N, C-alpha and C. Protein backbone atom coordinates (compact mmCIF):
# COMPACT_ATOMS: atom_id res chain seq x y z
N UNK A 1 0.85 -1.19 0.00
CA UNK A 1 0.00 0.00 0.00
C UNK A 1 0.88 1.24 0.00
N UNK A 2 0.43 2.26 -0.72
CA UNK A 2 1.15 3.52 -0.73
C UNK A 2 1.03 4.18 0.63
N UNK A 3 2.12 4.70 1.15
CA UNK A 3 2.11 5.28 2.48
C UNK A 3 1.31 6.57 2.51
N UNK A 4 0.36 6.62 3.44
CA UNK A 4 -0.46 7.81 3.62
C UNK A 4 0.28 8.85 4.43
N UNK A 5 -0.02 10.12 4.16
CA UNK A 5 0.49 11.21 4.96
C UNK A 5 -0.45 12.40 4.79
N UNK A 6 -0.17 13.47 5.52
CA UNK A 6 -0.97 14.68 5.39
C UNK A 6 -0.06 15.86 5.09
N UNK A 7 -0.61 16.81 4.38
CA UNK A 7 0.03 18.11 4.19
C UNK A 7 -1.04 19.15 4.48
N UNK A 8 -0.61 20.30 4.93
CA UNK A 8 -1.57 21.36 5.26
C UNK A 8 -1.37 22.55 4.33
N UNK A 9 -2.44 23.31 4.22
CA UNK A 9 -2.39 24.57 3.47
C UNK A 9 -3.36 25.53 4.14
N UNK A 10 -3.18 26.81 3.83
CA UNK A 10 -4.08 27.81 4.37
C UNK A 10 -5.43 27.70 3.67
N UNK A 11 -6.48 27.82 4.45
CA UNK A 11 -7.83 27.85 3.90
C UNK A 11 -8.33 29.27 3.95
N UNK A 12 -9.58 29.46 4.36
CA UNK A 12 -10.11 30.79 4.56
C UNK A 12 -9.39 31.42 5.75
N UNK A 13 -9.62 32.68 6.01
CA UNK A 13 -8.92 33.40 7.09
C UNK A 13 -8.96 32.61 8.40
N UNK A 14 -7.77 32.26 8.92
CA UNK A 14 -7.66 31.56 10.18
C UNK A 14 -7.85 30.05 10.10
N UNK A 15 -8.05 29.54 8.92
CA UNK A 15 -8.35 28.13 8.74
C UNK A 15 -7.13 27.38 8.20
N UNK A 16 -6.98 26.13 8.64
CA UNK A 16 -5.95 25.24 8.10
C UNK A 16 -6.65 24.07 7.43
N UNK A 17 -6.25 23.75 6.21
CA UNK A 17 -6.82 22.62 5.50
C UNK A 17 -5.83 21.46 5.53
N UNK A 18 -6.34 20.28 5.83
CA UNK A 18 -5.54 19.06 5.90
C UNK A 18 -5.86 18.24 4.65
N UNK A 19 -4.83 17.88 3.92
CA UNK A 19 -4.98 17.10 2.69
C UNK A 19 -4.37 15.72 2.93
N UNK A 20 -5.16 14.69 2.74
CA UNK A 20 -4.69 13.31 2.86
C UNK A 20 -4.10 12.91 1.51
N UNK A 21 -2.82 12.50 1.52
CA UNK A 21 -2.15 12.18 0.26
C UNK A 21 -1.46 10.83 0.37
N UNK A 22 -1.09 10.28 -0.78
CA UNK A 22 -0.26 9.08 -0.86
C UNK A 22 0.64 9.23 -2.09
N UNK A 23 1.27 8.16 -2.51
CA UNK A 23 2.21 8.23 -3.64
C UNK A 23 1.54 8.65 -4.95
N UNK A 24 0.26 8.36 -5.10
CA UNK A 24 -0.45 8.68 -6.33
C UNK A 24 -1.29 9.94 -6.25
N UNK A 25 -1.46 10.47 -5.06
CA UNK A 25 -2.33 11.64 -4.84
C UNK A 25 -1.56 12.71 -4.09
N UNK A 26 -1.35 13.87 -4.76
CA UNK A 26 -0.63 14.96 -4.12
C UNK A 26 -1.62 16.01 -3.60
N UNK A 27 -1.10 17.14 -3.16
CA UNK A 27 -1.94 18.18 -2.57
C UNK A 27 -2.94 18.74 -3.59
N UNK A 28 -2.61 18.69 -4.88
CA UNK A 28 -3.53 19.19 -5.91
C UNK A 28 -4.64 18.19 -6.21
N UNK A 29 -4.41 16.91 -5.90
CA UNK A 29 -5.38 15.85 -6.15
C UNK A 29 -5.39 14.90 -4.94
N UNK A 30 -5.77 15.41 -3.75
CA UNK A 30 -5.69 14.59 -2.54
C UNK A 30 -6.79 13.52 -2.49
N UNK A 31 -6.56 12.54 -1.63
CA UNK A 31 -7.59 11.54 -1.39
C UNK A 31 -8.81 12.19 -0.74
N UNK A 32 -8.56 13.15 0.14
CA UNK A 32 -9.63 13.97 0.72
C UNK A 32 -9.02 15.17 1.41
N UNK A 33 -9.85 16.17 1.67
CA UNK A 33 -9.43 17.39 2.35
C UNK A 33 -10.47 17.75 3.40
N UNK A 34 -9.97 18.20 4.56
CA UNK A 34 -10.86 18.70 5.61
C UNK A 34 -10.18 19.91 6.24
N UNK A 35 -10.95 20.95 6.48
CA UNK A 35 -10.41 22.18 7.03
C UNK A 35 -10.90 22.39 8.46
N UNK A 36 -10.10 23.15 9.23
CA UNK A 36 -10.40 23.39 10.64
C UNK A 36 -9.85 24.75 11.06
N UNK A 37 -10.43 25.30 12.12
CA UNK A 37 -9.89 26.50 12.74
C UNK A 37 -8.99 26.12 13.92
N UNK A 38 -8.85 24.83 14.17
CA UNK A 38 -8.01 24.34 15.25
C UNK A 38 -6.56 24.24 14.84
N UNK A 39 -5.74 23.81 15.79
CA UNK A 39 -4.31 23.60 15.53
C UNK A 39 -4.13 22.16 15.07
N UNK A 40 -3.54 21.99 13.91
CA UNK A 40 -3.29 20.66 13.34
C UNK A 40 -1.87 20.26 13.72
N UNK A 41 -1.74 19.15 14.42
CA UNK A 41 -0.43 18.62 14.81
C UNK A 41 0.01 17.62 13.74
N UNK A 42 0.53 18.15 12.63
CA UNK A 42 0.89 17.33 11.46
C UNK A 42 1.88 16.23 11.78
N UNK A 43 2.80 16.48 12.69
CA UNK A 43 3.81 15.48 13.02
C UNK A 43 3.20 14.26 13.71
N UNK A 44 1.97 14.38 14.19
CA UNK A 44 1.31 13.25 14.85
C UNK A 44 0.69 12.26 13.86
N UNK A 45 0.62 12.61 12.59
CA UNK A 45 -0.03 11.76 11.58
C UNK A 45 0.63 10.38 11.54
N UNK A 46 -0.20 9.35 11.77
CA UNK A 46 0.31 7.98 11.81
C UNK A 46 -0.61 7.07 11.00
N UNK A 47 -0.13 6.56 9.87
CA UNK A 47 -0.94 5.65 9.06
C UNK A 47 -0.86 4.23 9.59
N UNK A 48 -1.89 3.44 9.25
CA UNK A 48 -1.80 2.01 9.58
C UNK A 48 -0.95 1.32 8.50
N UNK A 49 -0.56 0.08 8.78
CA UNK A 49 0.29 -0.68 7.87
C UNK A 49 -0.36 -0.93 6.52
N UNK A 50 -1.67 -1.12 6.54
CA UNK A 50 -2.40 -1.47 5.32
C UNK A 50 -2.65 -0.28 4.40
N UNK A 51 -2.41 0.93 4.87
CA UNK A 51 -2.64 2.12 4.06
C UNK A 51 -4.11 2.45 3.90
N UNK A 52 -4.92 2.03 4.87
CA UNK A 52 -6.37 2.26 4.79
C UNK A 52 -6.87 3.22 5.86
N UNK A 53 -5.98 3.72 6.72
CA UNK A 53 -6.39 4.64 7.78
C UNK A 53 -5.19 5.46 8.25
N UNK A 54 -5.50 6.63 8.82
CA UNK A 54 -4.47 7.50 9.36
C UNK A 54 -5.07 8.27 10.53
N UNK A 55 -4.32 8.34 11.63
CA UNK A 55 -4.75 9.09 12.81
C UNK A 55 -3.98 10.41 12.88
N UNK A 56 -4.67 11.48 13.29
CA UNK A 56 -4.08 12.82 13.34
C UNK A 56 -4.62 13.59 14.53
N UNK A 57 -3.75 14.20 15.32
CA UNK A 57 -4.18 15.02 16.46
C UNK A 57 -4.52 16.43 15.98
N UNK A 58 -5.68 16.93 16.43
CA UNK A 58 -6.12 18.28 16.11
C UNK A 58 -6.64 18.91 17.40
N UNK A 59 -6.10 20.06 17.73
CA UNK A 59 -6.48 20.77 18.96
C UNK A 59 -7.51 21.83 18.60
N UNK A 60 -8.77 21.54 18.89
CA UNK A 60 -9.85 22.44 18.50
C UNK A 60 -10.06 23.58 19.49
N UNK A 61 -9.67 23.38 20.74
CA UNK A 61 -9.76 24.41 21.78
C UNK A 61 -8.47 24.38 22.59
N UNK A 62 -8.24 25.40 23.42
CA UNK A 62 -7.01 25.47 24.19
C UNK A 62 -6.71 24.20 24.98
N UNK A 63 -7.71 23.61 25.59
CA UNK A 63 -7.50 22.46 26.47
C UNK A 63 -8.29 21.24 26.00
N UNK A 64 -8.46 21.11 24.70
CA UNK A 64 -9.28 20.02 24.14
C UNK A 64 -8.63 19.55 22.85
N UNK A 65 -8.00 18.36 22.88
CA UNK A 65 -7.36 17.82 21.68
C UNK A 65 -8.09 16.57 21.23
N UNK A 66 -8.51 16.58 19.97
CA UNK A 66 -9.27 15.49 19.37
C UNK A 66 -8.33 14.62 18.53
N UNK A 67 -8.87 13.50 18.09
CA UNK A 67 -8.15 12.62 17.18
C UNK A 67 -8.99 12.49 15.92
N UNK A 68 -8.44 12.91 14.81
CA UNK A 68 -9.12 12.74 13.53
C UNK A 68 -8.69 11.39 12.97
N UNK A 69 -9.66 10.62 12.52
CA UNK A 69 -9.39 9.31 11.94
C UNK A 69 -9.84 9.31 10.49
N UNK A 70 -8.87 9.38 9.59
CA UNK A 70 -9.13 9.25 8.16
C UNK A 70 -9.17 7.76 7.87
N UNK A 71 -10.20 7.30 7.20
CA UNK A 71 -10.24 5.87 6.86
C UNK A 71 -10.99 5.65 5.55
N UNK A 72 -10.57 4.58 4.89
CA UNK A 72 -11.12 4.24 3.59
C UNK A 72 -12.29 3.27 3.78
N UNK A 73 -13.41 3.61 3.16
CA UNK A 73 -14.58 2.75 3.21
C UNK A 73 -15.02 2.37 1.80
N UNK A 74 -16.16 1.74 1.70
CA UNK A 74 -16.66 1.33 0.40
C UNK A 74 -16.95 2.51 -0.51
N UNK A 75 -17.31 3.65 0.09
CA UNK A 75 -17.65 4.84 -0.71
C UNK A 75 -16.50 5.83 -0.80
N UNK A 76 -15.29 5.40 -0.48
CA UNK A 76 -14.13 6.29 -0.55
C UNK A 76 -13.62 6.66 0.84
N UNK A 77 -12.94 7.78 0.92
CA UNK A 77 -12.31 8.23 2.16
C UNK A 77 -13.25 9.11 2.98
N UNK A 78 -13.20 8.92 4.28
CA UNK A 78 -13.95 9.77 5.21
C UNK A 78 -13.03 10.12 6.38
N UNK A 79 -13.45 11.08 7.16
CA UNK A 79 -12.74 11.42 8.39
C UNK A 79 -13.77 11.50 9.50
N UNK A 80 -13.47 10.86 10.61
CA UNK A 80 -14.31 10.92 11.80
C UNK A 80 -13.49 11.54 12.92
N UNK A 81 -14.17 12.20 13.83
CA UNK A 81 -13.51 12.87 14.95
C UNK A 81 -13.80 12.10 16.23
N UNK A 82 -12.74 11.69 16.92
CA UNK A 82 -12.87 11.06 18.22
C UNK A 82 -12.52 12.10 19.27
N UNK A 83 -13.49 12.49 20.09
CA UNK A 83 -13.22 13.49 21.13
C UNK A 83 -12.59 12.82 22.36
N UNK A 84 -12.00 13.61 23.25
CA UNK A 84 -11.46 13.04 24.48
C UNK A 84 -12.54 12.43 25.36
N UNK A 85 -13.71 13.04 25.35
CA UNK A 85 -14.81 12.57 26.17
C UNK A 85 -16.13 12.88 25.50
N UNK A 86 -17.19 12.38 26.07
CA UNK A 86 -18.51 12.58 25.47
C UNK A 86 -19.22 13.80 26.03
N UNK A 87 -18.71 14.37 27.11
CA UNK A 87 -19.31 15.57 27.68
C UNK A 87 -18.93 16.77 26.83
N UNK A 88 -19.47 17.90 27.21
CA UNK A 88 -19.13 19.13 26.49
C UNK A 88 -17.63 19.38 26.57
N UNK A 89 -17.06 19.99 25.53
CA UNK A 89 -15.62 20.27 25.58
C UNK A 89 -15.24 21.05 26.82
N UNK A 90 -14.21 20.59 27.46
CA UNK A 90 -13.69 21.23 28.65
C UNK A 90 -12.20 21.01 28.67
N UNK A 91 -11.76 20.17 29.56
CA UNK A 91 -10.35 19.86 29.69
C UNK A 91 -10.17 18.39 29.34
N UNK A 92 -9.43 18.10 28.28
CA UNK A 92 -9.24 16.71 27.90
C UNK A 92 -8.43 16.56 26.63
N UNK A 93 -7.92 15.35 26.47
CA UNK A 93 -7.18 15.03 25.25
C UNK A 93 -7.31 13.54 24.97
N UNK A 94 -7.12 13.20 23.72
CA UNK A 94 -7.07 11.81 23.27
C UNK A 94 -5.80 11.66 22.46
N UNK A 95 -5.10 10.54 22.66
CA UNK A 95 -3.86 10.28 21.94
C UNK A 95 -3.97 8.99 21.15
N UNK A 96 -3.42 9.01 19.94
CA UNK A 96 -3.22 7.78 19.19
C UNK A 96 -2.15 6.98 19.92
N UNK A 97 -2.40 5.68 20.14
CA UNK A 97 -1.42 4.86 20.87
C UNK A 97 -0.97 3.63 20.08
N UNK A 98 -1.57 3.37 18.92
CA UNK A 98 -1.11 2.25 18.10
C UNK A 98 -2.20 1.68 17.21
N UNK A 99 -1.77 0.87 16.27
CA UNK A 99 -2.66 0.12 15.38
C UNK A 99 -2.50 -1.36 15.67
N UNK A 100 -3.56 -2.12 15.61
CA UNK A 100 -3.48 -3.57 15.73
C UNK A 100 -3.42 -4.10 14.30
N UNK A 101 -2.28 -4.64 13.87
CA UNK A 101 -2.12 -5.06 12.47
C UNK A 101 -3.16 -6.10 12.05
N UNK A 102 -3.65 -5.93 10.82
CA UNK A 102 -4.58 -6.89 10.25
C UNK A 102 -6.02 -6.72 10.68
N UNK A 103 -6.25 -6.10 11.83
CA UNK A 103 -7.62 -5.96 12.34
C UNK A 103 -8.19 -4.57 12.06
N UNK A 104 -7.30 -3.61 11.86
CA UNK A 104 -7.74 -2.23 11.69
C UNK A 104 -8.05 -1.54 13.00
N UNK A 105 -8.01 -2.26 14.11
CA UNK A 105 -8.33 -1.66 15.40
C UNK A 105 -7.30 -0.59 15.76
N UNK A 106 -7.79 0.39 16.47
CA UNK A 106 -7.01 1.56 16.87
C UNK A 106 -6.88 1.56 18.38
N UNK A 107 -5.69 1.85 18.88
CA UNK A 107 -5.47 1.97 20.31
C UNK A 107 -5.42 3.46 20.65
N UNK A 108 -6.19 3.86 21.65
CA UNK A 108 -6.19 5.26 22.07
C UNK A 108 -6.07 5.36 23.58
N UNK A 109 -5.55 6.51 24.01
CA UNK A 109 -5.50 6.86 25.43
C UNK A 109 -6.26 8.17 25.58
N UNK A 110 -7.16 8.23 26.55
CA UNK A 110 -7.96 9.44 26.78
C UNK A 110 -7.82 9.88 28.22
N UNK A 111 -7.82 11.18 28.41
CA UNK A 111 -7.87 11.72 29.77
C UNK A 111 -8.75 12.96 29.74
N UNK A 112 -9.71 13.01 30.64
CA UNK A 112 -10.61 14.15 30.73
C UNK A 112 -10.78 14.55 32.19
N UNK A 113 -11.12 15.79 32.39
CA UNK A 113 -11.45 16.25 33.73
C UNK A 113 -12.95 16.29 33.83
N UNK A 114 -13.49 15.60 34.81
CA UNK A 114 -14.92 15.56 35.04
C UNK A 114 -15.18 16.01 36.46
N UNK A 115 -15.79 17.17 36.58
CA UNK A 115 -16.03 17.81 37.87
C UNK A 115 -14.70 17.97 38.60
N UNK A 116 -14.47 17.27 39.68
CA UNK A 116 -13.25 17.51 40.46
C UNK A 116 -12.18 16.43 40.30
N UNK A 117 -12.37 15.50 39.37
CA UNK A 117 -11.37 14.45 39.19
C UNK A 117 -11.07 14.21 37.71
N UNK A 118 -9.96 13.53 37.48
CA UNK A 118 -9.56 13.19 36.13
C UNK A 118 -9.91 11.73 35.85
N UNK A 119 -10.36 11.48 34.64
CA UNK A 119 -10.66 10.11 34.22
C UNK A 119 -9.69 9.73 33.11
N UNK A 120 -9.02 8.61 33.29
CA UNK A 120 -8.02 8.12 32.34
C UNK A 120 -8.50 6.77 31.82
N UNK A 121 -8.48 6.60 30.48
CA UNK A 121 -8.90 5.33 29.88
C UNK A 121 -7.99 4.97 28.72
N UNK A 122 -7.75 3.69 28.61
CA UNK A 122 -7.02 3.12 27.48
C UNK A 122 -8.02 2.24 26.76
N UNK A 123 -8.12 2.41 25.44
CA UNK A 123 -9.21 1.76 24.71
C UNK A 123 -8.74 1.10 23.42
N UNK A 124 -9.48 0.07 23.03
CA UNK A 124 -9.36 -0.54 21.72
C UNK A 124 -10.61 -0.12 20.96
N UNK A 125 -10.43 0.59 19.85
CA UNK A 125 -11.55 1.19 19.11
C UNK A 125 -11.67 0.55 17.73
N UNK A 126 -12.90 0.27 17.33
CA UNK A 126 -13.20 -0.21 15.98
C UNK A 126 -13.31 1.03 15.09
N UNK A 127 -12.44 1.18 14.08
CA UNK A 127 -12.47 2.39 13.26
C UNK A 127 -13.69 2.50 12.36
N UNK A 128 -14.37 1.40 12.09
CA UNK A 128 -15.55 1.46 11.22
C UNK A 128 -16.77 1.97 11.96
N UNK A 129 -16.89 1.61 13.23
CA UNK A 129 -18.06 2.03 14.02
C UNK A 129 -17.73 3.09 15.05
N UNK A 130 -16.44 3.28 15.32
CA UNK A 130 -15.92 4.16 16.36
C UNK A 130 -16.31 3.70 17.77
N UNK A 131 -16.80 2.47 17.86
CA UNK A 131 -17.19 1.91 19.15
C UNK A 131 -15.94 1.44 19.91
N UNK A 132 -15.96 1.68 21.21
CA UNK A 132 -14.91 1.16 22.07
C UNK A 132 -15.21 -0.31 22.32
N UNK A 133 -14.30 -1.18 21.90
CA UNK A 133 -14.52 -2.62 22.05
C UNK A 133 -14.08 -3.11 23.42
N UNK A 134 -13.00 -2.53 23.93
CA UNK A 134 -12.52 -2.86 25.28
C UNK A 134 -11.87 -1.62 25.85
N UNK A 135 -11.91 -1.50 27.19
CA UNK A 135 -11.26 -0.36 27.83
C UNK A 135 -10.78 -0.75 29.22
N UNK A 136 -9.81 0.01 29.70
CA UNK A 136 -9.27 -0.22 31.03
C UNK A 136 -8.64 1.07 31.53
N UNK A 137 -8.41 1.13 32.83
CA UNK A 137 -7.72 2.29 33.38
C UNK A 137 -6.20 2.13 33.32
N UNK A 138 -5.73 0.93 32.88
CA UNK A 138 -4.30 0.68 32.73
C UNK A 138 -4.06 -0.03 31.40
N UNK A 139 -3.03 0.39 30.64
CA UNK A 139 -2.79 -0.25 29.35
C UNK A 139 -2.41 -1.72 29.47
N UNK A 140 -1.72 -2.10 30.53
CA UNK A 140 -1.30 -3.48 30.71
C UNK A 140 -2.44 -4.44 30.93
N UNK A 141 -3.64 -3.93 31.24
CA UNK A 141 -4.82 -4.79 31.44
C UNK A 141 -5.47 -5.21 30.13
N UNK A 142 -5.03 -4.66 29.03
CA UNK A 142 -5.57 -5.00 27.71
C UNK A 142 -4.46 -5.66 26.90
N UNK A 143 -4.59 -6.93 26.61
CA UNK A 143 -3.50 -7.65 25.95
C UNK A 143 -3.14 -7.04 24.59
N UNK A 144 -4.14 -6.65 23.80
CA UNK A 144 -3.83 -6.03 22.50
C UNK A 144 -3.11 -4.71 22.69
N UNK A 145 -3.52 -3.95 23.69
CA UNK A 145 -2.88 -2.66 23.96
C UNK A 145 -1.44 -2.89 24.39
N UNK A 146 -1.24 -3.82 25.27
CA UNK A 146 0.10 -4.11 25.76
C UNK A 146 1.01 -4.56 24.62
N UNK A 147 0.47 -5.39 23.72
CA UNK A 147 1.29 -5.95 22.64
C UNK A 147 1.56 -4.98 21.50
N UNK A 148 0.56 -4.15 21.14
CA UNK A 148 0.68 -3.35 19.92
C UNK A 148 0.82 -1.85 20.15
N UNK A 149 1.04 -1.39 21.38
CA UNK A 149 1.19 0.04 21.56
C UNK A 149 2.40 0.54 20.79
N UNK A 150 2.25 1.69 20.20
CA UNK A 150 3.28 2.28 19.37
C UNK A 150 4.45 2.74 20.25
N UNK A 151 5.69 2.35 19.91
CA UNK A 151 6.83 2.74 20.74
C UNK A 151 7.02 4.26 20.83
N UNK A 152 6.71 4.98 19.74
CA UNK A 152 6.83 6.44 19.77
C UNK A 152 5.81 7.01 20.75
N UNK A 153 4.57 6.48 20.74
CA UNK A 153 3.58 6.94 21.70
C UNK A 153 4.06 6.67 23.12
N UNK A 154 4.52 5.47 23.37
CA UNK A 154 4.95 5.10 24.73
C UNK A 154 6.05 6.03 25.23
N UNK A 155 6.94 6.43 24.34
CA UNK A 155 8.05 7.30 24.71
C UNK A 155 7.61 8.75 24.91
N UNK A 156 6.61 9.21 24.15
CA UNK A 156 6.26 10.62 24.15
C UNK A 156 4.95 10.97 24.84
N UNK A 157 4.19 9.99 25.29
CA UNK A 157 2.88 10.27 25.87
C UNK A 157 2.97 11.16 27.10
N UNK A 158 1.94 11.96 27.30
CA UNK A 158 1.87 12.78 28.51
C UNK A 158 0.99 12.11 29.57
N UNK A 159 0.33 11.04 29.20
CA UNK A 159 -0.53 10.33 30.14
C UNK A 159 0.31 9.41 31.02
N UNK A 160 -0.07 9.30 32.26
CA UNK A 160 0.65 8.43 33.20
C UNK A 160 0.19 7.00 32.98
N UNK A 161 1.01 6.18 32.35
CA UNK A 161 0.63 4.79 32.03
C UNK A 161 0.88 3.85 33.20
N UNK A 162 1.56 4.31 34.24
CA UNK A 162 1.89 3.44 35.38
C UNK A 162 0.74 3.33 36.39
N UNK A 163 -0.16 4.25 36.38
CA UNK A 163 -1.25 4.23 37.38
C UNK A 163 -2.17 3.09 37.17
C-alpha cells in the first residue's frame, strides 16, 4: 500500500486545511481534504500498515485535543472525529497509541477532567463504528494494547501509564 500522509495549506482566514495524500495523490489531487480552525499537529499523523487509515491530532480548543481518523470505506475516504470525552468540551485530550495489524483496530488513550477528578482510559476502538470494544484504566490490562502500543507513543505520551 502507498504510504499515507498529510500536508496542510491555508484555507479561509484563520483556517488550516488538511490534505490526505499518498504516492499517487498529491496536494492538488488529494484523497480527501478537511479544514479546521483548530491547531493541526501534522507530526502526529500515523498511518496504519495497510494504508487504509491515518490518525491525526487536532487541537480544536485550548484544552481540548481530538483525534481525527481518516479511513477508507466502500464509498471512498472519510474522516471521523474522536473526542477526548462525550461531555461538552472542557479539559481533555485523546492520543493515538497504536494500530493492531490486520484488524484495523485503533489503540487510544484518553484523559478528561470531570467535575473535580480526572478520568483516564485506554481503549481498543473499531475504526468502522468508532465503538470502544474494550477499555481499562491501565494499558497493561488490555492484551492487545500491551502488545501493539506504538513505541513512539509510549516514549512521548503525557498520560501516566503506570497508574
